Amino acid sequence: FTSQTVTENFAKVIHGLNANQLTDQVIHRSKRMILDTLGVGLLGTSTEVCNKVAQYSKIYSSDLSSTIWGHLDFRLPPLYAAFVNGVAVHSMDFDDTWHPATHPSGTVLPAVIALSEAFPQKKRISGLDLLLAFNVGIEVQGRLLHFSREARNIPKRC
């Protein structure tokens, strides 16, 4: 018997997941969350803060690039594309919440999409793989909050 740290155990569980484990209900809800996040993100691209972040990020370049939502001719390295798109999603503060205090899709979806675009054409991921990555990201975020000290200071729902 070997003792694993919480992180090792968590990583083992995540590594063992596959798209076949997504239930119809999870797929349906994930698609709704993604559509909502994309809509809020597209609206957020018109905000002042998003425009400032996008202008700042233009100084970075890379061989890999990902789309800035709402701008067909504007691409950035995946890290900065995820950052700009995440700011766009949260700038209106209409993005989804997971009680007690996270906005999961606004951080996870921009990163998942930016990374998926960075894959070479011949290694493109499937829609189900994207949904799996999205759900793993949501789960990781929720568990990190659950185990954080801050979670103890957040009022419980009635």
N, C-alpha and C. Protein backbone atom coordinates (compact mmCIF):
# COMPACT_ATOMS: atom_id res chain seq x y z
N PHE A 1 0.85 -1.19 0.00
CA PHE A 1 0.00 0.00 0.00
C PHE A 1 0.88 1.24 0.00
N THR A 2 0.66 2.10 -0.97
CA THR A 2 1.40 3.36 -1.00
C THR A 2 0.42 4.49 -0.73
N SER A 3 0.84 5.41 0.08
CA SER A 3 -0.05 6.54 0.36
C SER A 3 0.16 7.61 -0.72
N GLN A 4 -0.94 8.10 -1.21
CA GLN A 4 -0.90 9.15 -2.22
C GLN A 4 -1.32 10.46 -1.59
N THR A 5 -0.74 11.53 -2.08
CA THR A 5 -1.19 12.84 -1.64
C THR A 5 -2.55 13.10 -2.28
N VAL A 6 -3.24 14.09 -1.79
CA VAL A 6 -4.52 14.46 -2.37
C VAL A 6 -4.33 14.81 -3.85
N THR A 7 -3.25 15.52 -4.15
CA THR A 7 -2.98 15.92 -5.54
C THR A 7 -2.74 14.71 -6.42
N GLU A 8 -1.95 13.75 -5.94
CA GLU A 8 -1.68 12.54 -6.72
C GLU A 8 -2.96 11.75 -6.97
N ASN A 9 -3.79 11.63 -5.95
CA ASN A 9 -5.05 10.91 -6.09
C ASN A 9 -5.96 11.61 -7.08
N PHE A 10 -6.03 12.91 -6.96
CA PHE A 10 -6.87 13.71 -7.85
C PHE A 10 -6.39 13.57 -9.30
N ALA A 11 -5.09 13.65 -9.50
CA ALA A 11 -4.52 13.51 -10.85
C ALA A 11 -4.80 12.13 -11.42
N LYS A 12 -4.73 11.10 -10.60
CA LYS A 12 -5.00 9.73 -11.06
C LYS A 12 -6.45 9.60 -11.53
N VAL A 13 -7.37 10.15 -10.77
CA VAL A 13 -8.78 10.09 -11.15
C VAL A 13 -9.01 10.83 -12.47
N ILE A 14 -8.46 12.02 -12.59
CA ILE A 14 -8.64 12.81 -13.81
C ILE A 14 -8.04 12.10 -15.01
N HIS A 15 -6.87 11.55 -14.84
CA HIS A 15 -6.19 10.87 -15.94
C HIS A 15 -6.99 9.67 -16.44
N GLY A 16 -7.77 9.06 -15.56
CA GLY A 16 -8.55 7.88 -15.93
C GLY A 16 -9.87 8.18 -16.61
N LEU A 17 -10.23 9.44 -16.72
CA LEU A 17 -11.52 9.79 -17.32
C LEU A 17 -11.46 9.71 -18.85
N ASN A 18 -12.61 9.39 -19.45
CA ASN A 18 -12.69 9.43 -20.91
C ASN A 18 -14.09 9.87 -21.32
N ALA A 19 -14.22 10.26 -22.56
CA ALA A 19 -15.47 10.85 -23.06
C ALA A 19 -16.65 9.89 -22.96
N ASN A 20 -16.41 8.60 -22.97
CA ASN A 20 -17.50 7.63 -22.86
C ASN A 20 -18.20 7.69 -21.51
N GLN A 21 -17.56 8.30 -20.53
CA GLN A 21 -18.14 8.41 -19.19
C GLN A 21 -19.09 9.60 -19.05
N LEU A 22 -19.17 10.44 -20.06
CA LEU A 22 -20.09 11.57 -20.01
C LEU A 22 -21.51 11.08 -20.26
N THR A 23 -22.40 11.35 -19.34
CA THR A 23 -23.80 10.94 -19.51
C THR A 23 -24.51 11.90 -20.45
N ASP A 24 -25.66 11.49 -20.95
CA ASP A 24 -26.45 12.37 -21.82
C ASP A 24 -26.80 13.67 -21.10
N GLN A 25 -27.12 13.57 -19.82
CA GLN A 25 -27.47 14.77 -19.05
C GLN A 25 -26.27 15.71 -18.93
N VAL A 26 -25.10 15.16 -18.67
CA VAL A 26 -23.89 15.98 -18.56
C VAL A 26 -23.58 16.65 -19.90
N ILE A 27 -23.71 15.91 -20.98
CA ILE A 27 -23.46 16.47 -22.32
C ILE A 27 -24.43 17.61 -22.60
N HIS A 28 -25.71 17.39 -22.32
CA HIS A 28 -26.73 18.43 -22.57
C HIS A 28 -26.44 19.69 -21.74
N ARG A 29 -26.19 19.51 -20.46
CA ARG A 29 -25.93 20.67 -19.60
C ARG A 29 -24.63 21.38 -19.99
N SER A 30 -23.64 20.61 -20.37
CA SER A 30 -22.36 21.20 -20.78
C SER A 30 -22.54 22.06 -22.02
N LYS A 31 -23.31 21.57 -22.97
CA LYS A 31 -23.56 22.34 -24.19
C LYS A 31 -24.27 23.64 -23.87
N ARG A 32 -25.23 23.60 -22.95
CA ARG A 32 -25.93 24.83 -22.55
C ARG A 32 -24.97 25.80 -21.88
N MET A 33 -24.11 25.30 -21.01
CA MET A 33 -23.12 26.15 -20.34
C MET A 33 -22.18 26.78 -21.36
N ILE A 34 -21.76 25.99 -22.35
CA ILE A 34 -20.85 26.48 -23.37
C ILE A 34 -21.51 27.55 -24.22
N LEU A 35 -22.75 27.31 -24.65
CA LEU A 35 -23.47 28.32 -25.46
C LEU A 35 -23.66 29.60 -24.67
N ASP A 36 -24.02 29.49 -23.41
CA ASP A 36 -24.20 30.67 -22.57
C ASP A 36 -22.89 31.43 -22.44
N THR A 37 -21.81 30.72 -22.21
CA THR A 37 -20.50 31.35 -22.04
C THR A 37 -20.04 32.03 -23.32
N LEU A 38 -20.25 31.38 -24.45
CA LEU A 38 -19.88 32.00 -25.74
C LEU A 38 -20.69 33.28 -25.97
N GLY A 39 -21.98 33.24 -25.67
CA GLY A 39 -22.83 34.42 -25.85
C GLY A 39 -22.39 35.58 -24.97
N VAL A 40 -22.16 35.29 -23.70
CA VAL A 40 -21.71 36.33 -22.78
C VAL A 40 -20.33 36.84 -23.19
N GLY A 41 -19.47 35.92 -23.65
CA GLY A 41 -18.13 36.31 -24.09
C GLY A 41 -18.15 37.21 -25.31
N LEU A 42 -19.02 36.89 -26.26
CA LEU A 42 -19.12 37.74 -27.46
C LEU A 42 -19.62 39.13 -27.09
N LEU A 43 -20.58 39.21 -26.18
CA LEU A 43 -21.05 40.51 -25.71
C LEU A 43 -19.92 41.25 -24.99
N GLY A 44 -19.14 40.51 -24.21
CA GLY A 44 -18.05 41.11 -23.45
C GLY A 44 -16.91 41.65 -24.28
N THR A 45 -16.81 41.21 -25.54
CA THR A 45 -15.72 41.73 -26.38
C THR A 45 -15.87 43.21 -26.67
N SER A 46 -17.04 43.76 -26.41
CA SER A 46 -17.25 45.19 -26.66
C SER A 46 -16.96 46.06 -25.44
N THR A 47 -16.54 45.46 -24.34
CA THR A 47 -16.29 46.24 -23.12
C THR A 47 -14.92 46.90 -23.15
N GLU A 48 -14.80 47.96 -22.40
CA GLU A 48 -13.53 48.70 -22.34
C GLU A 48 -12.41 47.83 -21.78
N VAL A 49 -12.69 47.08 -20.73
CA VAL A 49 -11.64 46.26 -20.12
C VAL A 49 -11.16 45.19 -21.08
N CYS A 50 -12.06 44.60 -21.83
CA CYS A 50 -11.65 43.58 -22.80
C CYS A 50 -10.79 44.20 -23.90
N ASN A 51 -11.17 45.37 -24.36
CA ASN A 51 -10.38 46.04 -25.39
C ASN A 51 -8.98 46.40 -24.88
N LYS A 52 -8.87 46.82 -23.63
CA LYS A 52 -7.56 47.14 -23.06
C LYS A 52 -6.69 45.89 -22.96
N VAL A 53 -7.27 44.80 -22.50
CA VAL A 53 -6.52 43.54 -22.37
C VAL A 53 -6.09 43.04 -23.74
N ALA A 54 -6.97 43.15 -24.72
CA ALA A 54 -6.64 42.70 -26.09
C ALA A 54 -5.50 43.53 -26.66
N GLN A 55 -5.56 44.85 -26.48
CA GLN A 55 -4.50 45.72 -26.99
C GLN A 55 -3.17 45.39 -26.33
N TYR A 56 -3.18 45.18 -25.03
CA TYR A 56 -1.96 44.83 -24.30
C TYR A 56 -1.39 43.51 -24.83
N SER A 57 -2.25 42.54 -25.06
CA SER A 57 -1.81 41.19 -25.45
C SER A 57 -1.26 41.12 -26.86
N LYS A 58 -1.52 42.13 -27.68
CA LYS A 58 -1.04 42.13 -29.07
C LYS A 58 0.49 42.11 -29.17
N ILE A 59 1.17 42.45 -28.09
CA ILE A 59 2.64 42.47 -28.14
C ILE A 59 3.23 41.06 -28.14
N TYR A 60 2.42 40.05 -27.85
CA TYR A 60 2.90 38.68 -27.78
C TYR A 60 2.61 37.94 -29.07
N SER A 61 3.55 37.12 -29.47
CA SER A 61 3.33 36.32 -30.68
C SER A 61 3.92 34.93 -30.48
N SER A 62 3.50 34.02 -31.33
CA SER A 62 3.93 32.64 -31.23
C SER A 62 3.62 31.94 -32.54
N ASP A 63 4.25 30.81 -32.77
CA ASP A 63 3.90 30.01 -33.94
C ASP A 63 2.50 29.43 -33.80
N LEU A 64 2.08 29.19 -32.56
CA LEU A 64 0.73 28.70 -32.30
C LEU A 64 -0.17 29.90 -32.09
N SER A 65 -1.40 29.81 -32.57
CA SER A 65 -2.31 30.92 -32.33
C SER A 65 -3.73 30.42 -32.17
N SER A 66 -4.50 31.20 -31.44
CA SER A 66 -5.90 30.89 -31.17
C SER A 66 -6.74 32.14 -31.38
N THR A 67 -8.00 31.92 -31.66
CA THR A 67 -8.92 32.99 -32.01
C THR A 67 -9.31 33.85 -30.81
N ILE A 68 -9.40 35.15 -31.06
CA ILE A 68 -10.03 36.05 -30.11
C ILE A 68 -11.49 36.14 -30.55
N TRP A 69 -12.38 35.75 -29.67
CA TRP A 69 -13.80 35.65 -30.02
C TRP A 69 -14.32 36.99 -30.55
N GLY A 70 -15.08 36.90 -31.61
CA GLY A 70 -15.67 38.08 -32.21
C GLY A 70 -14.76 38.83 -33.16
N HIS A 71 -13.54 38.35 -33.37
CA HIS A 71 -12.56 39.01 -34.23
C HIS A 71 -11.92 37.97 -35.15
N LEU A 72 -12.42 37.82 -36.33
CA LEU A 72 -11.94 36.78 -37.24
C LEU A 72 -10.47 36.95 -37.61
N ASP A 73 -9.98 38.17 -37.62
CA ASP A 73 -8.60 38.42 -38.05
C ASP A 73 -7.63 38.68 -36.89
N PHE A 74 -8.05 38.39 -35.68
CA PHE A 74 -7.22 38.67 -34.51
C PHE A 74 -6.94 37.36 -33.78
N ARG A 75 -5.68 36.94 -33.80
CA ARG A 75 -5.27 35.70 -33.14
C ARG A 75 -4.08 36.00 -32.23
N LEU A 76 -4.00 35.24 -31.15
CA LEU A 76 -2.92 35.38 -30.18
C LEU A 76 -2.41 34.00 -29.78
N PRO A 77 -1.25 33.94 -29.13
CA PRO A 77 -0.83 32.66 -28.57
C PRO A 77 -1.93 32.13 -27.64
N PRO A 78 -2.07 30.82 -27.53
CA PRO A 78 -3.18 30.25 -26.74
C PRO A 78 -3.33 30.83 -25.34
N LEU A 79 -2.22 31.04 -24.64
CA LEU A 79 -2.29 31.59 -23.28
C LEU A 79 -2.99 32.94 -23.28
N TYR A 80 -2.62 33.81 -24.21
CA TYR A 80 -3.19 35.15 -24.24
C TYR A 80 -4.59 35.17 -24.84
N ALA A 81 -4.86 34.27 -25.78
CA ALA A 81 -6.22 34.16 -26.31
C ALA A 81 -7.17 33.72 -25.20
N ALA A 82 -6.75 32.75 -24.39
CA ALA A 82 -7.58 32.31 -23.27
C ALA A 82 -7.79 33.45 -22.28
N PHE A 83 -6.75 34.22 -22.03
CA PHE A 83 -6.84 35.35 -21.11
C PHE A 83 -7.82 36.40 -21.62
N VAL A 84 -7.66 36.83 -22.86
CA VAL A 84 -8.53 37.85 -23.43
C VAL A 84 -9.98 37.36 -23.47
N ASN A 85 -10.19 36.13 -23.93
CA ASN A 85 -11.55 35.60 -24.02
C ASN A 85 -12.16 35.40 -22.63
N GLY A 86 -11.35 35.02 -21.65
CA GLY A 86 -11.84 34.90 -20.28
C GLY A 86 -12.25 36.25 -19.70
N VAL A 87 -11.47 37.28 -19.98
CA VAL A 87 -11.84 38.63 -19.55
C VAL A 87 -13.14 39.05 -20.22
N ALA A 88 -13.29 38.74 -21.50
CA ALA A 88 -14.53 39.08 -22.21
C ALA A 88 -15.73 38.42 -21.54
N VAL A 89 -15.60 37.15 -21.19
CA VAL A 89 -16.71 36.43 -20.56
C VAL A 89 -17.08 37.07 -19.23
N HIS A 90 -16.11 37.37 -18.42
CA HIS A 90 -16.42 37.84 -17.07
C HIS A 90 -16.66 39.35 -17.01
N SER A 91 -16.32 40.09 -18.04
CA SER A 91 -16.41 41.55 -17.97
C SER A 91 -17.84 42.05 -17.78
N MET A 92 -18.81 41.31 -18.23
CA MET A 92 -20.21 41.72 -18.05
C MET A 92 -20.78 41.16 -16.74
N ASP A 93 -20.09 40.23 -16.12
CA ASP A 93 -20.49 39.56 -14.88
C ASP A 93 -21.83 38.82 -15.03
N PHE A 94 -22.10 38.34 -16.24
CA PHE A 94 -23.30 37.53 -16.48
C PHE A 94 -22.94 36.06 -16.64
N ASP A 95 -21.66 35.72 -16.47
CA ASP A 95 -21.26 34.33 -16.65
C ASP A 95 -21.80 33.46 -15.52
N ASP A 96 -21.87 32.18 -15.78
CA ASP A 96 -22.49 31.26 -14.83
C ASP A 96 -21.73 31.21 -13.51
N THR A 97 -22.43 30.74 -12.49
CA THR A 97 -21.81 30.60 -11.18
C THR A 97 -22.04 29.19 -10.66
N TRP A 98 -21.14 28.79 -9.81
CA TRP A 98 -21.27 27.51 -9.11
C TRP A 98 -21.13 27.86 -7.65
N HIS A 99 -22.24 27.75 -6.93
CA HIS A 99 -22.23 28.14 -5.53
C HIS A 99 -21.15 27.35 -4.80
N PRO A 100 -20.40 28.00 -3.96
CA PRO A 100 -20.71 29.29 -3.41
C PRO A 100 -20.11 30.48 -4.14
N ALA A 101 -18.99 30.36 -4.81
CA ALA A 101 -18.39 31.60 -5.31
C ALA A 101 -17.45 31.42 -6.48
N THR A 102 -17.80 30.66 -7.47
CA THR A 102 -16.93 30.57 -8.63
C THR A 102 -17.72 30.85 -9.89
N HIS A 103 -17.02 31.22 -10.91
CA HIS A 103 -17.56 31.41 -12.26
C HIS A 103 -16.82 30.40 -13.14
N PRO A 104 -17.25 29.15 -13.14
CA PRO A 104 -16.43 28.10 -13.74
C PRO A 104 -16.23 28.20 -15.24
N SER A 105 -17.27 28.43 -15.98
CA SER A 105 -17.14 28.38 -17.45
C SER A 105 -16.28 29.49 -18.00
N GLY A 106 -16.30 30.65 -17.36
CA GLY A 106 -15.55 31.79 -17.86
C GLY A 106 -14.05 31.62 -17.80
N THR A 107 -13.58 30.72 -16.96
CA THR A 107 -12.15 30.44 -16.92
C THR A 107 -11.81 29.19 -17.70
N VAL A 108 -12.68 28.20 -17.63
CA VAL A 108 -12.38 26.90 -18.24
C VAL A 108 -12.56 26.92 -19.76
N LEU A 109 -13.69 27.41 -20.24
CA LEU A 109 -13.97 27.33 -21.68
C LEU A 109 -12.95 28.09 -22.53
N PRO A 110 -12.58 29.32 -22.21
CA PRO A 110 -11.57 29.99 -23.04
C PRO A 110 -10.26 29.22 -23.12
N ALA A 111 -9.85 28.61 -22.01
CA ALA A 111 -8.61 27.82 -22.03
C ALA A 111 -8.74 26.57 -22.88
N VAL A 112 -9.86 25.87 -22.74
CA VAL A 112 -10.08 24.64 -23.51
C VAL A 112 -10.13 24.94 -25.01
N ILE A 113 -10.85 25.99 -25.39
CA ILE A 113 -10.96 26.32 -26.82
C ILE A 113 -9.61 26.78 -27.37
N ALA A 114 -8.92 27.64 -26.63
CA ALA A 114 -7.61 28.12 -27.10
C ALA A 114 -6.64 26.96 -27.30
N LEU A 115 -6.61 26.04 -26.37
CA LEU A 115 -5.71 24.89 -26.51
C LEU A 115 -6.14 23.97 -27.64
N SER A 116 -7.45 23.79 -27.81
CA SER A 116 -7.92 22.90 -28.89
C SER A 116 -7.55 23.47 -30.26
N GLU A 117 -7.56 24.78 -30.39
CA GLU A 117 -7.18 25.40 -31.67
C GLU A 117 -5.68 25.27 -31.94
N ALA A 118 -4.90 25.10 -30.90
CA ALA A 118 -3.45 25.03 -31.05
C ALA A 118 -2.97 23.66 -31.52
N PHE A 119 -3.85 22.65 -31.47
CA PHE A 119 -3.46 21.33 -31.95
C PHE A 119 -3.22 21.36 -33.45
N PRO A 120 -2.25 20.60 -33.92
CA PRO A 120 -2.05 20.50 -35.38
C PRO A 120 -3.31 19.93 -36.05
N GLN A 121 -3.54 20.30 -37.30
CA GLN A 121 -4.72 19.85 -38.04
C GLN A 121 -4.94 18.34 -37.93
N LYS A 122 -3.88 17.56 -38.05
CA LYS A 122 -4.04 16.11 -38.06
C LYS A 122 -4.34 15.53 -36.68
N LYS A 123 -4.22 16.34 -35.64
CA LYS A 123 -4.49 15.85 -34.28
C LYS A 123 -5.66 16.58 -33.64
N ARG A 124 -6.55 17.09 -34.43
CA ARG A 124 -7.71 17.82 -33.89
C ARG A 124 -8.49 16.94 -32.93
N ILE A 125 -8.99 17.55 -31.89
CA ILE A 125 -9.77 16.78 -30.92
C ILE A 125 -11.23 16.77 -31.34
N SER A 126 -11.95 15.78 -30.88
CA SER A 126 -13.37 15.65 -31.21
C SER A 126 -14.19 16.55 -30.29
N GLY A 127 -15.45 16.72 -30.66
CA GLY A 127 -16.36 17.49 -29.82
C GLY A 127 -16.53 16.85 -28.45
N LEU A 128 -16.58 15.52 -28.41
CA LEU A 128 -16.70 14.84 -27.12
C LEU A 128 -15.45 15.04 -26.27
N ASP A 129 -14.29 15.04 -26.90
CA ASP A 129 -13.06 15.31 -26.15
C ASP A 129 -13.06 16.73 -25.59
N LEU A 130 -13.58 17.67 -26.36
CA LEU A 130 -13.69 19.04 -25.87
C LEU A 130 -14.64 19.10 -24.68
N LEU A 131 -15.78 18.40 -24.77
CA LEU A 131 -16.72 18.37 -23.65
C LEU A 131 -16.09 17.72 -22.42
N LEU A 132 -15.30 16.68 -22.63
CA LEU A 132 -14.62 16.04 -21.50
C LEU A 132 -13.65 17.02 -20.85
N ALA A 133 -12.84 17.68 -21.65
CA ALA A 133 -11.88 18.65 -21.11
C ALA A 133 -12.60 19.76 -20.35
N PHE A 134 -13.70 20.23 -20.90
CA PHE A 134 -14.50 21.27 -20.25
C PHE A 134 -14.99 20.78 -18.89
N ASN A 135 -15.55 19.57 -18.85
CA ASN A 135 -16.08 19.04 -17.60
C ASN A 135 -14.99 18.75 -16.58
N VAL A 136 -13.85 18.28 -17.03
CA VAL A 136 -12.73 18.06 -16.11
C VAL A 136 -12.30 19.40 -15.51
N GLY A 137 -12.22 20.43 -16.34
CA GLY A 137 -11.86 21.76 -15.84
C GLY A 137 -12.84 22.28 -14.81
N ILE A 138 -14.13 22.09 -15.08
CA ILE A 138 -15.17 22.52 -14.13
C ILE A 138 -15.02 21.76 -12.82
N GLU A 139 -14.81 20.46 -12.92
CA GLU A 139 -14.65 19.62 -11.73
C GLU A 139 -13.41 20.02 -10.92
N VAL A 140 -12.31 20.25 -11.59
CA VAL A 140 -11.09 20.66 -10.90
C VAL A 140 -11.32 21.98 -10.17
N GLN A 141 -11.93 22.92 -10.86
CA GLN A 141 -12.17 24.22 -10.22
C GLN A 141 -13.06 24.07 -8.99
N GLY A 142 -14.12 23.30 -9.11
CA GLY A 142 -15.02 23.09 -7.98
C GLY A 142 -14.35 22.42 -6.80
N ARG A 143 -13.55 21.42 -7.08
CA ARG A 143 -12.86 20.72 -5.99
C ARG A 143 -11.79 21.60 -5.35
N LEU A 144 -11.09 22.38 -6.14
CA LEU A 144 -10.10 23.29 -5.56
C LEU A 144 -10.76 24.28 -4.62
N LEU A 145 -11.91 24.81 -5.02
CA LEU A 145 -12.63 25.72 -4.14
C LEU A 145 -13.07 24.98 -2.88
N HIS A 146 -13.62 23.79 -3.06
CA HIS A 146 -14.11 23.02 -1.92
C HIS A 146 -13.02 22.79 -0.87
N PHE A 147 -11.80 22.52 -1.33
CA PHE A 147 -10.71 22.22 -0.41
C PHE A 147 -9.95 23.46 0.05
N SER A 148 -10.31 24.62 -0.45
CA SER A 148 -9.58 25.83 -0.07
C SER A 148 -10.06 26.36 1.28
N ARG A 149 -9.22 27.12 1.91
CA ARG A 149 -9.61 27.76 3.17
C ARG A 149 -10.73 28.78 2.94
N GLU A 150 -10.69 29.43 1.79
CA GLU A 150 -11.70 30.45 1.49
C GLU A 150 -13.11 29.87 1.49
N ALA A 151 -13.25 28.60 1.12
CA ALA A 151 -14.57 27.98 1.05
C ALA A 151 -15.25 27.99 2.42
N ARG A 152 -14.47 27.97 3.48
CA ARG A 152 -15.05 27.96 4.83
C ARG A 152 -15.63 29.33 5.21
N ASN A 153 -15.22 30.38 4.52
CA ASN A 153 -15.67 31.73 4.84
C ASN A 153 -16.86 32.19 4.01
N ILE A 154 -17.32 31.35 3.12
CA ILE A 154 -18.42 31.73 2.24
C ILE A 154 -19.73 31.28 2.88
N PRO A 155 -20.70 32.18 3.00
CA PRO A 155 -21.98 31.79 3.61
C PRO A 155 -22.63 30.64 2.85
N LYS A 156 -23.26 29.75 3.59
CA LYS A 156 -23.96 28.61 2.99
C LYS A 156 -25.32 29.05 2.47
N ARG A 157 -25.80 28.34 1.45
CA ARG A 157 -27.15 28.59 0.94
C ARG A 157 -28.17 28.12 1.97
N CYS A 158 -29.29 28.81 1.98
CA CYS A 158 -30.39 28.38 2.87
C CYS A 158 -31.27 27.39 2.17
